[in-house]
Amino acid sequence: ITSQRWSSESDLVDAFEWAGVQCLFGAAEKSGELDRVENELFRFGRITSADADLQMALSSPALPASAKTAIVSDLLSDKAAPVTVEVLSFITAHLRGRRLDQAVEQMTDLAAQRRGKLVAVVRCARPLTGDQEPRLTAALERIYRQPVAVNIEVDPSLVGGITVQIGDEVIDGSISGR
């Protein structure tokens, strides 16, 4: 890592962060919890996006890192895998100019990449039924010709239909999009 050339000073820090997170994801993979960790990271990102006070507290440069870590631990210690708590505690304490939602999304994407999958964020007006999610996953895997991890976000503001976002690509199958 250190023998490589770096465009900016933050590149080295990013590389060490990435390596550390990959080690944690490797441990989760070995224990069979990587899927759970990825899902918990996604859910945490959605929860913080929906709760302005929580997002403000975890993003505030005025709040010490220890306080942010305590908030994450209090919220998740009984409900999430230890790797999830450790990753989220670290990134909330070390945002380094990033927005919280972006940092959590990066970690979710890294977990999915570790599993060899693309991440699809699916927004729908109501939860999908039992057979709809596997059918959607299979259709996306046929389109993209690789495994896809589907994260579903219920958005009542959609009248009907769904939107699917994979990276920068958006498939708008919502009623308003038609």
Foldseek 3Di string as FASTA:
>chain_A
DVVDDDPDPCVVVVVVLLVVLVVLLVVCVVVVNLVQLLLVLVVVLVVLVVDVVLQCQLQPPVDALVVNLVVLCVVPVVPGDPSNSVNLSVCSNPVPPPRSSVSSVVSSQSSQVVVVAWEKEKEFQDDDDPPPVVVVQVVVCVVVVTGYDYHYDHDNVQVGDMWIDTPPDIDDGTPVVD
